[in-house]
């Protein structure tokens, strides 16, 4: 049963405000979507359930207006959100700030730093998804988070952007303590669990760092640790590693450290080794 005429008018007004479409177009999309506003807007921006797609300017206008509503005029620049506004936005979306959900949003919107968003990143990021409402944003983020542990290509994107967003602007490397924080976040649920049947590799890696490593983490080391993690998850004996390989020296040292502890043998059954 369709909603009352009053509700239909209210939804039509909301649809027009979000999309820039005419009342007639709004009514058509709403009817096709069973008067579900979010589905109607998604269909409009994806080109479905209708005969035409919106102009780029209409979508840009809608997203820019949404960004402006997030800004605090007294604290934020015209084209960026500071820490307080960014955190308020993330909390409104229901993002868990203690796990990889935060990093998913930072990558999606190409945040220049954790806790900072730009207008360009916000508009371009959401425009690329076609998600034009808060409800659609929440649903899209949930879908991305759910894919983190199974889609290695996507996880790699989030992992690599984390390095960019977490280091200081004037630094080429990441402070070790901060790198450890983000390795903990990325390699724990809902991220990629760095462990195999017989070994908790994340625990081993962090123990190795605590005992043997004191330097900062550059981009190459950061990226190569992910590649090593992926390989170790499919071959916990570490037979893929060789002294002649192109791994950074820290990986060579980690493998040697593991061998000294008898780690890497398939018969070992201690997940906390």
Foldseek 3Di string as FASTA:
>chain_A
DADDPVLLVVLLVVLCLQQVDDSVLSSQLCVQVSNDSQNSQLCQCVVHSDDDHGDPVRNLVNQLVVVVVLADVVPDDSFKHAQVSQVVLCVVLVADPQACLQLLVCLLLVAQARRMGTNNSRSVSCSVVSRRDSVSVSVVSVVLLQCQQPDPVSVLSSQLSNQRHHDDPPDQFAQPVVLLSVLVRQCDPPHHPLFEQFERVNLLVVVCCVVPNHDTGGSLNSSLVSVVSVVCRVQLLPPVDDPPDPRPVVVVVSVVVCVVVVTNDPVHRHHND
